[in-house]
Amino acid sequence: MRITVICGAGASSTFVAMRLKRAAASAGAAMSVAPAALADLPAGAEGTDTVLLGAHLPDDAADRVRLALPDAEVILLPEDIAADRDGTRVLSLIRPAASRAAEPPQRKDATMATRTVTIASSHGLHARPAKLFAEAAKNSGADVTIVKGDGKPANAASILGVIALGADQGDDVTLTVEGDEAETVLDRLSAMLLEDGE
């Protein structure tokens, strides 16, 4: 996580940044902290996740920061932040922002599709057919599982997992695909199993 500190007086930004660095290091929090000047933005602050903004800046300071760094979260520092000698108060202000930054992005419009298919290949789902199928599942970008009958589901992107199913010609397998284009991926993978290739 990258933090940029902007306070009114030149030295105060540096002091707040130094204290926050020490507090973060003591707490084992991984973050990069640097002071900056409002007039210089966005230079030197590219990639900033959170901007800590001093209370004694002009009224339009937050708007100027949001304009210069639209992806950064802006946190206003309390007027008495200079009294935070060990940086723990500033650290407590940014912990919620750090937690949000660490969360994995939510999948949007992810769907799930399931289909049972009868293996057509005379070789079953072994060796080369298993390799080609697992590679296609892996390259699909979706989460794909495959299960034979009432057995244990396997990761379809794992060649060993697919071979371990022991699926032969005429066996039914159930594919479950979760991802943004689940139906399209399911169609493609099902077609592979319905072919009597090598």
N, C-alpha and C. Protein backbone atom coordinates (compact mmCIF):
# COMPACT_ATOMS: atom_id res chain seq x y z
N MET A 1 0.85 -1.18 0.00
CA MET A 1 0.00 0.00 0.00
C MET A 1 0.89 1.23 0.00
N ARG A 2 0.54 2.19 -0.83
CA ARG A 2 1.34 3.42 -0.91
C ARG A 2 0.57 4.60 -0.32
N ILE A 3 1.21 5.28 0.63
CA ILE A 3 0.61 6.41 1.33
C ILE A 3 1.38 7.67 0.99
N THR A 4 0.66 8.75 0.66
CA THR A 4 1.28 10.05 0.44
C THR A 4 0.75 11.01 1.50
N VAL A 5 1.66 11.72 2.16
CA VAL A 5 1.30 12.66 3.23
C VAL A 5 1.47 14.08 2.72
N ILE A 6 0.40 14.88 2.82
CA ILE A 6 0.45 16.28 2.40
C ILE A 6 -0.07 17.14 3.55
N CYS A 7 0.82 17.90 4.16
CA CYS A 7 0.43 18.82 5.23
C CYS A 7 0.80 20.24 4.79
N GLY A 8 0.31 21.23 5.52
CA GLY A 8 0.53 22.62 5.14
C GLY A 8 1.98 23.04 5.16
N ALA A 9 2.62 22.90 6.30
CA ALA A 9 4.02 23.31 6.42
C ALA A 9 4.91 22.21 5.88
N GLY A 10 5.97 22.58 5.20
CA GLY A 10 6.84 21.61 4.55
C GLY A 10 7.38 20.54 5.48
N ALA A 11 7.86 20.93 6.65
CA ALA A 11 8.47 19.97 7.56
C ALA A 11 7.44 19.01 8.15
N SER A 12 6.21 19.46 8.36
CA SER A 12 5.23 18.61 9.04
C SER A 12 4.87 17.38 8.21
N SER A 13 4.83 17.49 6.89
CA SER A 13 4.57 16.32 6.04
C SER A 13 5.65 15.27 6.26
N THR A 14 6.89 15.72 6.32
CA THR A 14 8.02 14.80 6.52
C THR A 14 7.94 14.13 7.88
N PHE A 15 7.62 14.90 8.93
CA PHE A 15 7.54 14.33 10.28
C PHE A 15 6.42 13.30 10.37
N VAL A 16 5.25 13.63 9.83
CA VAL A 16 4.12 12.68 9.87
C VAL A 16 4.48 11.41 9.10
N ALA A 17 5.11 11.56 7.94
CA ALA A 17 5.50 10.40 7.13
C ALA A 17 6.51 9.53 7.88
N MET A 18 7.51 10.15 8.50
CA MET A 18 8.53 9.39 9.24
C MET A 18 7.91 8.64 10.41
N ARG A 19 7.03 9.29 11.15
CA ARG A 19 6.40 8.65 12.30
C ARG A 19 5.50 7.49 11.87
N LEU A 20 4.78 7.70 10.77
CA LEU A 20 3.92 6.64 10.26
C LEU A 20 4.75 5.44 9.80
N LYS A 21 5.87 5.69 9.14
CA LYS A 21 6.76 4.60 8.71
C LYS A 21 7.20 3.76 9.90
N ARG A 22 7.62 4.44 10.97
CA ARG A 22 8.08 3.72 12.17
C ARG A 22 6.95 2.90 12.78
N ALA A 23 5.77 3.51 12.89
CA ALA A 23 4.63 2.80 13.49
C ALA A 23 4.23 1.60 12.63
N ALA A 24 4.25 1.76 11.31
CA ALA A 24 3.90 0.67 10.41
C ALA A 24 4.91 -0.47 10.52
N ALA A 25 6.19 -0.13 10.59
CA ALA A 25 7.24 -1.14 10.72
C ALA A 25 7.08 -1.90 12.03
N SER A 26 6.78 -1.19 13.12
CA SER A 26 6.59 -1.84 14.42
C SER A 26 5.39 -2.77 14.41
N ALA A 27 4.35 -2.39 13.66
CA ALA A 27 3.13 -3.19 13.60
C ALA A 27 3.21 -4.29 12.54
N GLY A 28 4.29 -4.30 11.77
CA GLY A 28 4.44 -5.31 10.72
C GLY A 28 3.55 -5.04 9.52
N ALA A 29 3.13 -3.79 9.33
CA ALA A 29 2.27 -3.43 8.20
C ALA A 29 3.14 -3.02 7.02
N ALA A 30 2.90 -3.64 5.89
CA ALA A 30 3.69 -3.34 4.69
C ALA A 30 3.10 -2.14 3.97
N MET A 31 3.83 -1.06 3.96
CA MET A 31 3.37 0.13 3.23
C MET A 31 4.55 1.04 2.92
N SER A 32 4.36 1.80 1.85
CA SER A 32 5.34 2.80 1.45
C SER A 32 4.75 4.16 1.81
N VAL A 33 5.52 4.98 2.50
CA VAL A 33 5.03 6.29 2.95
C VAL A 33 5.98 7.38 2.48
N ALA A 34 5.44 8.44 1.87
CA ALA A 34 6.28 9.54 1.40
C ALA A 34 5.54 10.86 1.54
N PRO A 35 6.28 11.94 1.89
CA PRO A 35 5.67 13.26 1.93
C PRO A 35 5.57 13.84 0.52
N ALA A 36 4.65 14.77 0.33
CA ALA A 36 4.52 15.44 -0.97
C ALA A 36 3.95 16.83 -0.74
N ALA A 37 4.07 17.66 -1.76
CA ALA A 37 3.51 19.02 -1.71
C ALA A 37 2.28 19.07 -2.60
N LEU A 38 1.25 19.74 -2.13
CA LEU A 38 0.00 19.84 -2.88
C LEU A 38 0.22 20.43 -4.26
N ALA A 39 1.08 21.43 -4.36
CA ALA A 39 1.32 22.11 -5.64
C ALA A 39 2.00 21.20 -6.66
N ASP A 40 2.69 20.16 -6.20
CA ASP A 40 3.43 19.29 -7.11
C ASP A 40 2.62 18.12 -7.66
N LEU A 41 1.44 17.87 -7.12
CA LEU A 41 0.66 16.70 -7.56
C LEU A 41 0.31 16.78 -9.03
N PRO A 42 0.27 15.66 -9.73
CA PRO A 42 0.46 14.30 -9.23
C PRO A 42 1.91 13.83 -9.24
N ALA A 43 2.85 14.68 -9.65
CA ALA A 43 4.26 14.28 -9.75
C ALA A 43 4.75 13.66 -8.44
N GLY A 44 5.37 12.50 -8.56
CA GLY A 44 5.94 11.82 -7.41
C GLY A 44 4.94 11.06 -6.57
N ALA A 45 3.65 11.17 -6.89
CA ALA A 45 2.63 10.47 -6.08
C ALA A 45 1.83 9.48 -6.92
N GLU A 46 2.31 9.17 -8.11
CA GLU A 46 1.60 8.22 -8.96
C GLU A 46 1.50 6.87 -8.24
N GLY A 47 0.36 6.21 -8.38
CA GLY A 47 0.18 4.90 -7.75
C GLY A 47 -0.18 4.97 -6.28
N THR A 48 -0.46 6.17 -5.77
CA THR A 48 -0.83 6.33 -4.36
C THR A 48 -2.19 5.70 -4.10
N ASP A 49 -2.27 4.92 -3.01
CA ASP A 49 -3.55 4.32 -2.61
C ASP A 49 -4.33 5.25 -1.69
N THR A 50 -3.60 5.91 -0.78
CA THR A 50 -4.24 6.79 0.21
C THR A 50 -3.43 8.06 0.39
N VAL A 51 -4.13 9.19 0.43
CA VAL A 51 -3.49 10.48 0.70
C VAL A 51 -3.95 10.94 2.07
N LEU A 52 -2.98 11.24 2.94
CA LEU A 52 -3.27 11.82 4.25
C LEU A 52 -3.12 13.33 4.11
N LEU A 53 -4.20 14.04 4.34
CA LEU A 53 -4.25 15.47 4.07
C LEU A 53 -4.32 16.26 5.36
N GLY A 54 -3.40 17.19 5.55
CA GLY A 54 -3.35 18.02 6.74
C GLY A 54 -4.57 18.92 6.87
N ALA A 55 -4.92 19.23 8.11
CA ALA A 55 -6.12 20.03 8.39
C ALA A 55 -5.94 21.50 8.07
N HIS A 56 -4.71 21.98 7.94
CA HIS A 56 -4.46 23.41 7.77
C HIS A 56 -4.25 23.80 6.31
N LEU A 57 -4.67 22.96 5.40
CA LEU A 57 -4.54 23.26 3.97
C LEU A 57 -5.75 24.07 3.49
N PRO A 58 -5.68 24.65 2.29
CA PRO A 58 -6.83 25.40 1.77
C PRO A 58 -8.08 24.53 1.67
N ASP A 59 -9.24 25.16 1.68
CA ASP A 59 -10.51 24.44 1.65
C ASP A 59 -10.66 23.52 0.44
N ASP A 60 -10.04 23.89 -0.67
CA ASP A 60 -10.21 23.09 -1.89
C ASP A 60 -9.13 22.00 -2.03
N ALA A 61 -8.34 21.78 -0.98
CA ALA A 61 -7.22 20.83 -1.07
C ALA A 61 -7.69 19.42 -1.41
N ALA A 62 -8.74 18.96 -0.74
CA ALA A 62 -9.23 17.59 -0.99
C ALA A 62 -9.68 17.45 -2.44
N ASP A 63 -10.37 18.47 -2.96
CA ASP A 63 -10.82 18.42 -4.36
C ASP A 63 -9.63 18.39 -5.31
N ARG A 64 -8.61 19.15 -5.00
CA ARG A 64 -7.41 19.17 -5.86
C ARG A 64 -6.71 17.81 -5.86
N VAL A 65 -6.66 17.18 -4.69
CA VAL A 65 -6.04 15.85 -4.59
C VAL A 65 -6.85 14.84 -5.39
N ARG A 66 -8.17 14.87 -5.24
CA ARG A 66 -9.03 13.91 -5.97
C ARG A 66 -8.93 14.11 -7.48
N LEU A 67 -8.74 15.33 -7.90
CA LEU A 67 -8.57 15.62 -9.33
C LEU A 67 -7.23 15.09 -9.83
N ALA A 68 -6.18 15.28 -9.04
CA ALA A 68 -4.84 14.85 -9.44
C ALA A 68 -4.64 13.35 -9.30
N LEU A 69 -5.27 12.75 -8.27
CA LEU A 69 -5.11 11.32 -7.98
C LEU A 69 -6.49 10.68 -7.80
N PRO A 70 -7.22 10.49 -8.89
CA PRO A 70 -8.61 10.05 -8.79
C PRO A 70 -8.82 8.67 -8.16
N ASP A 71 -7.80 7.82 -8.19
CA ASP A 71 -7.96 6.48 -7.63
C ASP A 71 -7.57 6.39 -6.15
N ALA A 72 -7.06 7.48 -5.61
CA ALA A 72 -6.60 7.47 -4.21
C ALA A 72 -7.72 7.83 -3.25
N GLU A 73 -7.69 7.21 -2.08
CA GLU A 73 -8.62 7.57 -1.02
C GLU A 73 -8.00 8.73 -0.24
N VAL A 74 -8.81 9.73 0.11
CA VAL A 74 -8.32 10.90 0.84
C VAL A 74 -8.81 10.82 2.29
N ILE A 75 -7.86 10.91 3.21
CA ILE A 75 -8.18 10.90 4.64
C ILE A 75 -7.69 12.22 5.24
N LEU A 76 -8.60 12.96 5.87
CA LEU A 76 -8.23 14.23 6.50
C LEU A 76 -7.65 13.96 7.89
N LEU A 77 -6.50 14.53 8.13
CA LEU A 77 -5.84 14.37 9.43
C LEU A 77 -6.43 15.35 10.43
N PRO A 78 -6.52 14.98 11.71
CA PRO A 78 -7.00 15.91 12.72
C PRO A 78 -6.02 17.07 12.92
N GLU A 79 -6.52 18.18 13.43
CA GLU A 79 -5.70 19.37 13.60
C GLU A 79 -4.52 19.16 14.55
N ASP A 80 -4.68 18.28 15.52
CA ASP A 80 -3.62 18.07 16.51
C ASP A 80 -2.72 16.87 16.18
N ILE A 81 -2.60 16.53 14.91
CA ILE A 81 -1.84 15.35 14.52
C ILE A 81 -0.35 15.48 14.87
N ALA A 82 0.14 16.70 15.02
CA ALA A 82 1.55 16.90 15.39
C ALA A 82 1.85 16.29 16.76
N ALA A 83 0.82 16.12 17.60
CA ALA A 83 1.02 15.53 18.92
C ALA A 83 1.19 14.00 18.85
N ASP A 84 0.95 13.42 17.70
CA ASP A 84 1.09 11.97 17.52
C ASP A 84 2.56 11.63 17.31
N ARG A 85 3.32 11.60 18.39
CA ARG A 85 4.78 11.46 18.31
C ARG A 85 5.25 10.10 17.81
N ASP A 86 4.47 9.04 18.07
CA ASP A 86 4.93 7.71 17.67
C ASP A 86 4.25 7.19 16.39
N GLY A 87 3.34 7.97 15.81
CA GLY A 87 2.70 7.60 14.55
C GLY A 87 1.57 6.60 14.67
N THR A 88 1.26 6.14 15.88
CA THR A 88 0.22 5.12 16.03
C THR A 88 -1.18 5.66 15.75
N ARG A 89 -1.39 6.93 16.04
CA ARG A 89 -2.71 7.51 15.77
C ARG A 89 -2.96 7.59 14.27
N VAL A 90 -1.94 8.03 13.52
CA VAL A 90 -2.08 8.09 12.06
C VAL A 90 -2.28 6.69 11.51
N LEU A 91 -1.54 5.72 12.04
CA LEU A 91 -1.68 4.34 11.58
C LEU A 91 -3.10 3.84 11.80
N SER A 92 -3.69 4.18 12.94
CA SER A 92 -5.06 3.74 13.21
C SER A 92 -6.06 4.37 12.25
N LEU A 93 -5.74 5.57 11.75
CA LEU A 93 -6.63 6.22 10.78
C LEU A 93 -6.62 5.52 9.43
N ILE A 94 -5.47 4.95 9.06
CA ILE A 94 -5.39 4.34 7.73
C ILE A 94 -5.63 2.84 7.73
N ARG A 95 -5.74 2.21 8.89
CA ARG A 95 -5.97 0.75 8.92
C ARG A 95 -7.21 0.33 8.14
N PRO A 96 -8.35 1.03 8.26
CA PRO A 96 -9.51 0.62 7.45
C PRO A 96 -9.22 0.69 5.95
N ALA A 97 -8.49 1.71 5.52
CA ALA A 97 -8.14 1.82 4.10
C ALA A 97 -7.20 0.70 3.69
N ALA A 98 -6.27 0.33 4.58
CA ALA A 98 -5.34 -0.76 4.29
C ALA A 98 -6.09 -2.08 4.17
N SER A 99 -7.09 -2.28 5.02
CA SER A 99 -7.88 -3.51 4.95
C SER A 99 -8.64 -3.59 3.63
N ARG A 100 -9.20 -2.47 3.21
CA ARG A 100 -9.93 -2.47 1.92
C ARG A 100 -8.99 -2.74 0.77
N ALA A 101 -7.78 -2.21 0.82
CA ALA A 101 -6.82 -2.41 -0.26
C ALA A 101 -6.38 -3.86 -0.35
N ALA A 102 -6.38 -4.57 0.79
CA ALA A 102 -5.94 -5.97 0.80
C ALA A 102 -7.02 -6.94 0.35
N GLU A 103 -8.27 -6.50 0.31
CA GLU A 103 -9.35 -7.40 -0.10
C GLU A 103 -9.24 -7.72 -1.58
N PRO A 104 -9.48 -9.01 -1.94
CA PRO A 104 -9.46 -9.34 -3.36
C PRO A 104 -10.61 -8.66 -4.07
N PRO A 105 -10.43 -8.29 -5.32
CA PRO A 105 -11.52 -7.66 -6.05
C PRO A 105 -12.71 -8.60 -6.18
N GLN A 106 -13.89 -8.04 -6.11
CA GLN A 106 -15.10 -8.83 -6.27
C GLN A 106 -15.28 -9.21 -7.73
N ARG A 107 -15.65 -10.47 -7.96
CA ARG A 107 -15.92 -10.89 -9.33
C ARG A 107 -17.27 -10.32 -9.74
N LYS A 108 -17.30 -9.70 -10.88
CA LYS A 108 -18.54 -9.10 -11.36
C LYS A 108 -19.17 -10.01 -12.40
N ASP A 109 -20.47 -10.19 -12.28
CA ASP A 109 -21.24 -10.97 -13.24
C ASP A 109 -20.71 -12.39 -13.43
N ALA A 110 -20.08 -12.96 -12.39
CA ALA A 110 -19.62 -14.33 -12.49
C ALA A 110 -20.84 -15.24 -12.43
N THR A 111 -20.88 -16.23 -13.31
CA THR A 111 -21.99 -17.16 -13.33
C THR A 111 -21.47 -18.57 -13.18
N MET A 112 -22.38 -19.48 -12.88
CA MET A 112 -22.02 -20.88 -12.75
C MET A 112 -22.89 -21.69 -13.70
N ALA A 113 -22.28 -22.66 -14.36
CA ALA A 113 -23.02 -23.53 -15.27
C ALA A 113 -22.54 -24.96 -15.06
N THR A 114 -23.47 -25.90 -15.12
CA THR A 114 -23.16 -27.32 -14.91
C THR A 114 -23.78 -28.14 -16.04
N ARG A 115 -23.04 -29.18 -16.45
CA ARG A 115 -23.55 -30.06 -17.51
C ARG A 115 -22.95 -31.45 -17.34
N THR A 116 -23.76 -32.48 -17.59
CA THR A 116 -23.27 -33.86 -17.58
C THR A 116 -23.07 -34.30 -19.03
N VAL A 117 -21.90 -34.88 -19.29
CA VAL A 117 -21.51 -35.26 -20.65
C VAL A 117 -21.04 -36.71 -20.63
N THR A 118 -21.34 -37.45 -21.70
CA THR A 118 -20.85 -38.82 -21.84
C THR A 118 -19.57 -38.81 -22.67
N ILE A 119 -18.51 -39.41 -22.14
CA ILE A 119 -17.21 -39.44 -22.82
C ILE A 119 -17.34 -40.24 -24.11
N ALA A 120 -16.99 -39.62 -25.23
CA ALA A 120 -17.11 -40.27 -26.54
C ALA A 120 -15.80 -40.90 -27.01
N SER A 121 -14.68 -40.39 -26.56
CA SER A 121 -13.39 -40.86 -27.05
C SER A 121 -13.15 -42.32 -26.69
N SER A 122 -12.69 -43.10 -27.66
CA SER A 122 -12.39 -44.51 -27.41
C SER A 122 -11.22 -44.66 -26.45
N HIS A 123 -10.44 -43.60 -26.28
CA HIS A 123 -9.32 -43.61 -25.34
C HIS A 123 -9.75 -43.13 -23.94
N GLY A 124 -11.01 -42.75 -23.80
CA GLY A 124 -11.47 -42.22 -22.52
C GLY A 124 -10.81 -40.87 -22.25
N LEU A 125 -10.68 -40.55 -20.99
CA LEU A 125 -10.07 -39.27 -20.61
C LEU A 125 -8.72 -39.56 -19.96
N HIS A 126 -7.83 -40.15 -20.77
CA HIS A 126 -6.50 -40.54 -20.30
C HIS A 126 -5.45 -39.89 -21.18
N ALA A 127 -4.23 -39.84 -20.70
CA ALA A 127 -3.05 -39.39 -21.44
C ALA A 127 -3.30 -38.12 -22.25
N ARG A 128 -3.18 -38.24 -23.59
CA ARG A 128 -3.28 -37.05 -24.44
C ARG A 128 -4.64 -36.36 -24.34
N PRO A 129 -5.78 -37.07 -24.40
CA PRO A 129 -7.06 -36.37 -24.25
C PRO A 129 -7.17 -35.62 -22.91
N ALA A 130 -6.65 -36.23 -21.84
CA ALA A 130 -6.69 -35.57 -20.53
C ALA A 130 -5.82 -34.32 -20.53
N LYS A 131 -4.66 -34.41 -21.18
CA LYS A 131 -3.75 -33.26 -21.26
C LYS A 131 -4.40 -32.11 -22.01
N LEU A 132 -4.99 -32.40 -23.17
CA LEU A 132 -5.63 -31.35 -23.98
C LEU A 132 -6.81 -30.73 -23.24
N PHE A 133 -7.60 -31.58 -22.56
CA PHE A 133 -8.75 -31.09 -21.82
C PHE A 133 -8.31 -30.19 -20.67
N ALA A 134 -7.31 -30.63 -19.90
CA ALA A 134 -6.83 -29.85 -18.76
C ALA A 134 -6.24 -28.51 -19.20
N GLU A 135 -5.52 -28.52 -20.32
CA GLU A 135 -4.96 -27.26 -20.84
C GLU A 135 -6.07 -26.30 -21.25
N ALA A 136 -7.12 -26.83 -21.89
CA ALA A 136 -8.24 -25.98 -22.30
C ALA A 136 -8.95 -25.40 -21.08
N ALA A 137 -9.12 -26.22 -20.04
CA ALA A 137 -9.76 -25.74 -18.81
C ALA A 137 -8.92 -24.65 -18.16
N LYS A 138 -7.62 -24.88 -18.12
CA LYS A 138 -6.71 -23.89 -17.51
C LYS A 138 -6.71 -22.58 -18.28
N ASN A 139 -6.68 -22.67 -19.61
CA ASN A 139 -6.63 -21.47 -20.45
C ASN A 139 -7.95 -20.72 -20.54
N SER A 140 -9.03 -21.33 -20.04
CA SER A 140 -10.35 -20.69 -20.12
C SER A 140 -10.47 -19.48 -19.19
N GLY A 141 -9.64 -19.45 -18.14
CA GLY A 141 -9.72 -18.35 -17.17
C GLY A 141 -10.85 -18.52 -16.17
N ALA A 142 -11.58 -19.63 -16.26
CA ALA A 142 -12.69 -19.89 -15.34
C ALA A 142 -12.27 -20.98 -14.35
N ASP A 143 -13.04 -21.12 -13.29
CA ASP A 143 -12.84 -22.22 -12.34
C ASP A 143 -13.67 -23.39 -12.84
N VAL A 144 -13.00 -24.50 -13.16
CA VAL A 144 -13.70 -25.65 -13.74
C VAL A 144 -13.42 -26.89 -12.90
N THR A 145 -14.48 -27.59 -12.52
CA THR A 145 -14.33 -28.87 -11.85
C THR A 145 -14.98 -29.95 -12.70
N ILE A 146 -14.48 -31.18 -12.55
CA ILE A 146 -15.02 -32.33 -13.27
C ILE A 146 -15.15 -33.47 -12.28
N VAL A 147 -16.25 -34.21 -12.37
CA VAL A 147 -16.47 -35.34 -11.47
C VAL A 147 -17.07 -36.50 -12.27
N LYS A 148 -16.62 -37.70 -11.98
CA LYS A 148 -17.15 -38.91 -12.63
C LYS A 148 -18.18 -39.53 -11.69
N GLY A 149 -19.40 -39.64 -12.15
CA GLY A 149 -20.47 -40.23 -11.35
C GLY A 149 -20.63 -39.53 -10.02
N ASP A 150 -20.60 -40.33 -8.94
CA ASP A 150 -20.74 -39.78 -7.59
C ASP A 150 -19.39 -39.61 -6.91
N GLY A 151 -18.32 -39.59 -7.70
CA GLY A 151 -16.97 -39.50 -7.15
C GLY A 151 -16.63 -38.12 -6.63
N LYS A 152 -15.36 -37.95 -6.35
CA LYS A 152 -14.86 -36.69 -5.80
C LYS A 152 -14.53 -35.73 -6.95
N PRO A 153 -14.98 -34.47 -6.87
CA PRO A 153 -14.66 -33.50 -7.93
C PRO A 153 -13.16 -33.24 -8.01
N ALA A 154 -12.69 -33.04 -9.23
CA ALA A 154 -11.28 -32.73 -9.47
C ALA A 154 -11.17 -31.39 -10.17
N ASN A 155 -10.06 -30.73 -9.97
CA ASN A 155 -9.77 -29.49 -10.69
C ASN A 155 -9.51 -29.86 -12.14
N ALA A 156 -10.35 -29.40 -13.05
CA ALA A 156 -10.23 -29.77 -14.46
C ALA A 156 -8.98 -29.20 -15.11
N ALA A 157 -8.34 -28.23 -14.48
CA ALA A 157 -7.11 -27.66 -15.03
C ALA A 157 -5.88 -28.47 -14.63
N SER A 158 -6.08 -29.53 -13.84
CA SER A 158 -4.98 -30.39 -13.39
C SER A 158 -4.97 -31.68 -14.21
N ILE A 159 -3.91 -31.90 -14.98
CA ILE A 159 -3.82 -33.11 -15.80
C ILE A 159 -3.92 -34.35 -14.91
N LEU A 160 -3.18 -34.36 -13.81
CA LEU A 160 -3.21 -35.52 -12.92
C LEU A 160 -4.60 -35.73 -12.32
N GLY A 161 -5.26 -34.63 -11.97
CA GLY A 161 -6.62 -34.73 -11.42
C GLY A 161 -7.59 -35.33 -12.42
N VAL A 162 -7.46 -34.94 -13.69
CA VAL A 162 -8.35 -35.45 -14.74
C VAL A 162 -8.06 -36.93 -14.99
N ILE A 163 -6.79 -37.30 -15.08
CA ILE A 163 -6.43 -38.70 -15.31
C ILE A 163 -6.89 -39.57 -14.14
N ALA A 164 -6.77 -39.06 -12.91
CA ALA A 164 -7.15 -39.83 -11.72
C ALA A 164 -8.63 -40.18 -11.68
N LEU A 165 -9.45 -39.47 -12.44
CA LEU A 165 -10.88 -39.80 -12.50
C LEU A 165 -11.09 -41.21 -13.05
N GLY A 166 -10.20 -41.64 -13.94
CA GLY A 166 -10.36 -42.95 -14.57
C GLY A 166 -11.57 -43.01 -15.48
N ALA A 167 -11.88 -41.92 -16.15
CA ALA A 167 -13.07 -41.86 -17.01
C ALA A 167 -12.80 -42.54 -18.35
N ASP A 168 -13.62 -43.54 -18.68
CA ASP A 168 -13.48 -44.28 -19.93
C ASP A 168 -14.61 -43.92 -20.88
N GLN A 169 -14.50 -44.42 -22.12
CA GLN A 169 -15.55 -44.19 -23.11
C GLN A 169 -16.88 -44.68 -22.56
N GLY A 170 -17.91 -43.86 -22.68
CA GLY A 170 -19.24 -44.22 -22.19
C GLY A 170 -19.53 -43.77 -20.77
N ASP A 171 -18.49 -43.33 -20.03
CA ASP A 171 -18.71 -42.84 -18.67
C ASP A 171 -19.30 -41.43 -18.70
N ASP A 172 -20.16 -41.16 -17.72
CA ASP A 172 -20.71 -39.81 -17.58
C ASP A 172 -19.84 -39.00 -16.62
N VAL A 173 -19.52 -37.77 -17.02
CA VAL A 173 -18.81 -36.84 -16.15
C VAL A 173 -19.61 -35.55 -16.08
N THR A 174 -19.54 -34.90 -14.94
CA THR A 174 -20.25 -33.63 -14.76
C THR A 174 -19.24 -32.50 -14.66
N LEU A 175 -19.41 -31.51 -15.51
CA LEU A 175 -18.55 -30.32 -15.51
C LEU A 175 -19.28 -29.19 -14.81
N THR A 176 -18.56 -28.46 -13.97
CA THR A 176 -19.10 -27.25 -13.36
C THR A 176 -18.11 -26.13 -13.64
N VAL A 177 -18.62 -25.06 -14.24
CA VAL A 177 -17.78 -23.93 -14.63
C VAL A 177 -18.29 -22.69 -13.91
N GLU A 178 -17.37 -21.96 -13.27
CA GLU A 178 -17.72 -20.70 -12.63
C GLU A 178 -16.82 -19.61 -13.18
N GLY A 179 -17.43 -18.57 -13.73
CA GLY A 179 -16.65 -17.48 -14.31
C GLY A 179 -17.54 -16.56 -15.11
N ASP A 180 -16.93 -15.55 -15.71
CA ASP A 180 -17.68 -14.54 -16.43
C ASP A 180 -18.39 -15.07 -17.67
N GLU A 181 -17.81 -16.07 -18.33
CA GLU A 181 -18.42 -16.64 -19.53
C GLU A 181 -18.59 -18.14 -19.35
N ALA A 182 -19.26 -18.52 -18.26
CA ALA A 182 -19.37 -19.92 -17.88
C ALA A 182 -19.99 -20.78 -18.97
N GLU A 183 -21.07 -20.32 -19.58
CA GLU A 183 -21.75 -21.12 -20.61
C GLU A 183 -20.87 -21.35 -21.82
N THR A 184 -20.15 -20.32 -22.25
CA THR A 184 -19.25 -20.45 -23.40
C THR A 184 -18.14 -21.44 -23.12
N VAL A 185 -17.55 -21.34 -21.94
CA VAL A 185 -16.48 -22.27 -21.55
C VAL A 185 -17.04 -23.69 -21.46
N LEU A 186 -18.22 -23.83 -20.88
CA LEU A 186 -18.85 -25.14 -20.74
C LEU A 186 -19.12 -25.76 -22.11
N ASP A 187 -19.59 -24.97 -23.06
CA ASP A 187 -19.83 -25.47 -24.43
C ASP A 187 -18.53 -25.99 -25.04
N ARG A 188 -17.46 -25.22 -24.90
CA ARG A 188 -16.17 -25.59 -25.50
C ARG A 188 -15.62 -26.87 -24.89
N LEU A 189 -15.65 -26.98 -23.57
CA LEU A 189 -15.11 -28.15 -22.90
C LEU A 189 -15.98 -29.39 -23.14
N SER A 190 -17.29 -29.20 -23.15
CA SER A 190 -18.20 -30.33 -23.42
C SER A 190 -17.96 -30.88 -24.82
N ALA A 191 -17.76 -29.99 -25.78
CA ALA A 191 -17.51 -30.42 -27.17
C ALA A 191 -16.26 -31.29 -27.25
N MET A 192 -15.25 -30.96 -26.47
CA MET A 192 -14.02 -31.77 -26.47
C MET A 192 -14.30 -33.19 -26.00
N LEU A 193 -15.16 -33.33 -24.99
CA LEU A 193 -15.46 -34.65 -24.44
C LEU A 193 -16.38 -35.46 -25.35
N LEU A 194 -17.13 -34.77 -26.19
CA LEU A 194 -18.06 -35.44 -27.09
C LEU A 194 -17.41 -35.87 -28.40
N GLU A 195 -16.15 -35.48 -28.61
CA GLU A 195 -15.44 -35.87 -29.83
C GLU A 195 -14.76 -37.22 -29.62
N ASP A 196 -14.74 -38.05 -30.65
CA ASP A 196 -14.01 -39.31 -30.57
C ASP A 196 -12.66 -39.11 -31.20
N GLY A 197 -11.87 -38.24 -30.58
CA GLY A 197 -10.52 -37.97 -31.08
C GLY A 197 -9.54 -38.92 -30.44
N GLU A 198 -8.25 -38.58 -30.54
CA GLU A 198 -7.25 -39.46 -29.92
C GLU A 198 -7.14 -39.22 -28.45
